[in-house]
N, C-alpha and C. Protein backbone atom coordinates (compact mmCIF):
# COMPACT_ATOMS: atom_id res chain seq x y z
N PRO A 1 197.78 59.24 -9.76
CA PRO A 1 196.85 60.33 -10.01
C PRO A 1 195.51 59.81 -10.49
N LYS A 2 194.49 60.48 -10.05
CA LYS A 2 193.13 60.16 -10.50
C LYS A 2 192.60 61.36 -11.27
N PRO A 3 192.37 61.20 -12.57
CA PRO A 3 191.92 62.34 -13.37
C PRO A 3 190.52 62.83 -12.99
N THR A 4 189.76 62.04 -12.26
CA THR A 4 188.39 62.43 -11.93
C THR A 4 188.30 63.17 -10.59
N SER A 5 189.41 63.34 -9.88
CA SER A 5 189.34 64.03 -8.60
C SER A 5 190.46 65.06 -8.50
N GLU A 6 190.23 66.04 -7.62
CA GLU A 6 191.24 67.07 -7.40
C GLU A 6 192.04 66.75 -6.15
N LYS A 7 193.28 67.18 -6.16
CA LYS A 7 194.10 67.04 -4.97
C LYS A 7 194.95 68.29 -4.87
N TRP A 8 194.86 68.97 -3.75
CA TRP A 8 195.65 70.17 -3.53
C TRP A 8 197.04 69.77 -3.07
N VAL A 9 198.03 70.46 -3.60
CA VAL A 9 199.41 70.23 -3.21
C VAL A 9 200.06 71.57 -2.92
N ALA A 10 201.15 71.53 -2.21
CA ALA A 10 201.89 72.75 -1.90
C ALA A 10 203.34 72.58 -2.32
N LEU A 11 203.98 73.65 -2.63
CA LEU A 11 205.39 73.64 -2.96
C LEU A 11 206.13 74.39 -1.86
N ALA A 12 207.30 73.92 -1.54
CA ALA A 12 208.12 74.59 -0.53
C ALA A 12 209.47 74.94 -1.13
N GLY A 13 209.95 76.09 -0.79
CA GLY A 13 211.27 76.48 -1.26
C GLY A 13 212.34 75.71 -0.51
N LEU A 14 213.47 75.50 -1.16
CA LEU A 14 214.58 74.80 -0.53
C LEU A 14 215.37 75.75 0.34
N ASN A 15 215.83 75.25 1.45
CA ASN A 15 216.71 76.02 2.31
C ASN A 15 218.11 75.88 1.71
N GLU A 16 218.58 76.93 1.05
CA GLU A 16 219.86 76.85 0.32
C GLU A 16 221.03 76.54 1.23
N GLU A 17 220.99 77.02 2.48
CA GLU A 17 222.08 76.74 3.42
C GLU A 17 222.18 75.24 3.70
N VAL A 18 221.05 74.60 3.91
CA VAL A 18 221.04 73.16 4.17
C VAL A 18 221.50 72.39 2.94
N VAL A 19 221.06 72.81 1.76
CA VAL A 19 221.47 72.16 0.52
C VAL A 19 222.98 72.28 0.35
N ASP A 20 223.52 73.47 0.58
CA ASP A 20 224.95 73.70 0.44
C ASP A 20 225.73 72.84 1.43
N ARG A 21 225.27 72.78 2.69
CA ARG A 21 225.94 71.99 3.71
C ARG A 21 225.91 70.51 3.34
N ASN A 22 224.78 70.04 2.81
CA ASN A 22 224.69 68.64 2.40
C ASN A 22 225.59 68.33 1.22
N GLU A 23 225.73 69.27 0.29
CA GLU A 23 226.63 69.07 -0.84
C GLU A 23 228.08 68.98 -0.37
N LYS A 24 228.46 69.83 0.58
CA LYS A 24 229.81 69.79 1.12
C LYS A 24 230.06 68.47 1.85
N ALA A 25 229.07 68.03 2.60
CA ALA A 25 229.20 66.76 3.32
C ALA A 25 229.32 65.60 2.34
N THR A 26 228.52 65.62 1.28
CA THR A 26 228.58 64.57 0.27
C THR A 26 229.96 64.52 -0.38
N LYS A 27 230.51 65.68 -0.70
CA LYS A 27 231.85 65.72 -1.29
C LYS A 27 232.90 65.22 -0.31
N ALA A 28 232.75 65.58 0.96
CA ALA A 28 233.69 65.12 1.98
C ALA A 28 233.61 63.60 2.14
N ILE A 29 232.41 63.06 2.12
CA ILE A 29 232.21 61.61 2.22
C ILE A 29 232.90 60.90 1.06
N GLN A 30 232.72 61.44 -0.14
CA GLN A 30 233.35 60.84 -1.32
C GLN A 30 234.87 60.92 -1.23
N LEU A 31 235.39 62.07 -0.84
CA LEU A 31 236.83 62.25 -0.72
C LEU A 31 237.40 61.31 0.34
N CYS A 32 236.72 61.21 1.45
CA CYS A 32 237.16 60.31 2.52
C CYS A 32 237.21 58.87 2.01
N GLY A 33 236.20 58.47 1.28
CA GLY A 33 236.17 57.13 0.70
C GLY A 33 237.33 56.88 -0.24
N MET A 34 237.65 57.88 -1.07
CA MET A 34 238.77 57.73 -2.00
C MET A 34 240.10 57.66 -1.25
N LEU A 35 240.26 58.51 -0.24
CA LEU A 35 241.52 58.53 0.50
C LEU A 35 241.73 57.25 1.30
N CYS A 36 240.64 56.63 1.73
CA CYS A 36 240.78 55.37 2.47
C CYS A 36 241.30 54.24 1.58
N LYS A 37 241.34 54.47 0.27
CA LYS A 37 241.90 53.49 -0.67
C LYS A 37 243.30 53.89 -1.12
N ASP A 38 243.81 54.99 -0.56
CA ASP A 38 245.08 55.56 -0.99
C ASP A 38 246.19 55.17 -0.02
N GLU A 39 247.19 54.49 -0.53
CA GLU A 39 248.31 54.03 0.29
C GLU A 39 249.03 55.20 0.96
N ARG A 40 249.15 56.30 0.25
CA ARG A 40 249.85 57.46 0.81
C ARG A 40 249.09 58.02 2.02
N PHE A 41 247.76 58.05 1.95
CA PHE A 41 246.96 58.51 3.08
C PHE A 41 247.13 57.55 4.26
N GLY A 42 247.21 56.26 3.96
CA GLY A 42 247.46 55.27 5.01
C GLY A 42 248.82 55.50 5.66
N LYS A 43 249.81 55.85 4.85
CA LYS A 43 251.15 56.14 5.38
C LYS A 43 251.10 57.37 6.29
N PHE A 44 250.33 58.37 5.89
CA PHE A 44 250.14 59.56 6.72
C PHE A 44 249.56 59.19 8.08
N LEU A 45 248.52 58.35 8.07
CA LEU A 45 247.90 57.95 9.34
C LEU A 45 248.89 57.17 10.21
N LYS A 46 249.61 56.27 9.58
CA LYS A 46 250.55 55.43 10.33
C LYS A 46 251.74 56.22 10.86
N ASP A 47 252.37 57.00 10.00
CA ASP A 47 253.60 57.69 10.37
C ASP A 47 253.36 59.02 11.10
N TYR A 48 252.53 59.86 10.53
CA TYR A 48 252.34 61.19 11.09
C TYR A 48 251.38 61.17 12.28
N LYS A 49 250.28 60.42 12.14
CA LYS A 49 249.29 60.37 13.22
C LYS A 49 249.61 59.26 14.24
N LYS A 50 250.71 58.54 13.99
CA LYS A 50 251.20 57.50 14.91
C LYS A 50 250.16 56.41 15.19
N MET A 51 249.49 55.97 14.13
CA MET A 51 248.48 54.92 14.26
C MET A 51 249.11 53.60 13.80
N GLU A 52 249.73 52.91 14.73
CA GLU A 52 250.45 51.67 14.43
C GLU A 52 249.55 50.59 13.82
N GLU A 53 248.26 50.62 14.15
CA GLU A 53 247.35 49.59 13.65
C GLU A 53 246.98 49.77 12.18
N VAL A 54 247.35 50.90 11.58
CA VAL A 54 247.03 51.15 10.17
C VAL A 54 248.09 50.51 9.28
N ASN A 55 247.60 49.71 8.35
CA ASN A 55 248.44 49.14 7.30
C ASN A 55 248.16 49.97 6.04
N PRO A 56 249.13 50.75 5.55
CA PRO A 56 248.87 51.62 4.40
C PRO A 56 248.39 50.89 3.14
N LYS A 57 248.55 49.59 3.09
CA LYS A 57 248.10 48.84 1.92
C LYS A 57 246.74 48.17 2.15
N ASP A 58 246.13 48.41 3.30
CA ASP A 58 244.84 47.78 3.64
C ASP A 58 243.79 48.86 3.89
N MET A 59 242.86 48.99 2.94
CA MET A 59 241.89 50.07 3.02
C MET A 59 241.01 49.97 4.26
N GLU A 60 240.75 48.78 4.76
CA GLU A 60 239.90 48.64 5.94
C GLU A 60 240.58 49.22 7.18
N THR A 61 241.90 48.99 7.33
CA THR A 61 242.59 49.56 8.49
C THR A 61 242.70 51.08 8.37
N ILE A 62 242.81 51.58 7.14
CA ILE A 62 242.83 53.03 6.92
C ILE A 62 241.48 53.62 7.33
N ALA A 63 240.40 53.00 6.87
CA ALA A 63 239.06 53.47 7.21
C ALA A 63 238.83 53.41 8.71
N ASN A 64 239.29 52.34 9.35
CA ASN A 64 239.16 52.23 10.81
C ASN A 64 239.92 53.34 11.51
N GLY A 65 241.08 53.68 10.98
CA GLY A 65 241.88 54.77 11.54
C GLY A 65 241.15 56.11 11.45
N VAL A 66 240.57 56.38 10.30
CA VAL A 66 239.82 57.63 10.12
C VAL A 66 238.63 57.67 11.09
N ARG A 67 237.90 56.56 11.16
CA ARG A 67 236.75 56.52 12.07
C ARG A 67 237.20 56.75 13.52
N ALA A 68 238.33 56.18 13.90
CA ALA A 68 238.85 56.36 15.26
C ALA A 68 239.23 57.82 15.52
N ILE A 69 239.91 58.44 14.58
CA ILE A 69 240.31 59.84 14.75
C ILE A 69 239.10 60.75 14.87
N LEU A 70 238.11 60.52 13.99
CA LEU A 70 236.94 61.39 13.97
C LEU A 70 235.90 61.02 15.02
N GLY A 71 236.02 59.83 15.59
CA GLY A 71 235.03 59.39 16.58
C GLY A 71 233.68 59.09 15.96
N ILE A 72 233.72 58.50 14.75
CA ILE A 72 232.48 58.16 14.04
C ILE A 72 232.45 56.67 13.73
N LYS A 73 231.27 56.18 13.38
CA LYS A 73 231.13 54.78 13.00
C LYS A 73 230.98 54.62 11.49
N SER A 74 230.60 55.72 10.82
CA SER A 74 230.34 55.68 9.38
C SER A 74 230.66 57.04 8.78
N ARG A 75 231.10 57.04 7.54
CA ARG A 75 231.38 58.30 6.86
C ARG A 75 230.13 59.16 6.72
N THR A 76 228.97 58.55 6.73
CA THR A 76 227.74 59.35 6.61
C THR A 76 227.58 60.31 7.78
N GLU A 77 228.29 60.06 8.87
CA GLU A 77 228.23 60.96 10.02
C GLU A 77 228.94 62.29 9.74
N LEU A 78 229.55 62.42 8.57
CA LEU A 78 230.15 63.70 8.18
C LEU A 78 229.09 64.75 7.89
N HIS A 79 227.82 64.35 7.85
CA HIS A 79 226.74 65.33 7.71
C HIS A 79 226.61 66.16 8.98
N ASN A 80 227.15 65.69 10.08
CA ASN A 80 227.16 66.42 11.34
C ASN A 80 228.24 67.51 11.26
N ALA A 81 227.89 68.73 11.66
CA ALA A 81 228.81 69.87 11.52
C ALA A 81 230.12 69.66 12.28
N ASN A 82 230.06 69.14 13.50
CA ASN A 82 231.29 68.94 14.27
C ASN A 82 232.18 67.89 13.63
N ASN A 83 231.58 66.83 13.10
CA ASN A 83 232.36 65.80 12.42
C ASN A 83 232.99 66.34 11.15
N MET A 84 232.27 67.22 10.47
CA MET A 84 232.80 67.83 9.24
C MET A 84 233.99 68.72 9.57
N ILE A 85 233.92 69.44 10.67
CA ILE A 85 235.04 70.28 11.09
C ILE A 85 236.26 69.40 11.38
N ALA A 86 236.03 68.30 12.09
CA ALA A 86 237.13 67.37 12.41
C ALA A 86 237.72 66.79 11.13
N TRP A 87 236.87 66.43 10.16
CA TRP A 87 237.37 65.88 8.90
C TRP A 87 238.20 66.93 8.16
N ASN A 88 237.69 68.16 8.09
CA ASN A 88 238.43 69.22 7.39
C ASN A 88 239.79 69.45 8.03
N ARG A 89 239.85 69.37 9.35
CA ARG A 89 241.12 69.53 10.06
C ARG A 89 242.08 68.40 9.69
N LEU A 90 241.57 67.16 9.70
CA LEU A 90 242.40 66.01 9.35
C LEU A 90 242.89 66.12 7.90
N TYR A 91 242.00 66.48 6.99
CA TYR A 91 242.37 66.60 5.59
C TYR A 91 243.41 67.70 5.39
N SER A 92 243.25 68.80 6.12
CA SER A 92 244.22 69.89 6.04
C SER A 92 245.60 69.43 6.53
N GLU A 93 245.62 68.66 7.62
CA GLU A 93 246.89 68.10 8.11
C GLU A 93 247.52 67.20 7.04
N TYR A 94 246.69 66.41 6.37
CA TYR A 94 247.18 65.51 5.32
C TYR A 94 247.79 66.32 4.17
N GLU A 95 247.09 67.37 3.75
CA GLU A 95 247.63 68.20 2.66
C GLU A 95 248.97 68.82 3.05
N ASP A 96 249.07 69.33 4.28
CA ASP A 96 250.34 69.89 4.75
C ASP A 96 251.43 68.83 4.78
N TRP A 97 251.09 67.65 5.26
CA TRP A 97 252.05 66.54 5.32
C TRP A 97 252.55 66.20 3.92
N CYS A 98 251.64 66.16 2.96
CA CYS A 98 252.02 65.86 1.57
C CYS A 98 253.00 66.89 1.01
N LEU A 99 252.79 68.14 1.35
CA LEU A 99 253.67 69.20 0.86
C LEU A 99 255.05 69.12 1.48
N ASN A 100 255.12 68.64 2.70
CA ASN A 100 256.39 68.63 3.43
C ASN A 100 257.11 67.29 3.39
N GLU A 101 256.47 66.27 2.85
CA GLU A 101 257.08 64.95 2.82
C GLU A 101 258.12 64.85 1.72
């Protein structure tokens, strides 16, 4: 800032829908990251989703499995609405599997 000169600025309101969608995506990204470290989630991918390449004790193979199912290269792609729908579907299947296991 220069105290000897003026500068006009504008304020813009936030689009609450976009903020809400980004918050949901951020939470999904965090949850996905935590589950990729969870042996039980790895077991779900291996046994229920029939992903033989997943080692439930190896977080990298779990993460690779999730990326393969969702068709993404990075969890940050969960900001995309279609990817978020696919993630929610996968997570819902996992929750059901946990209840029935």
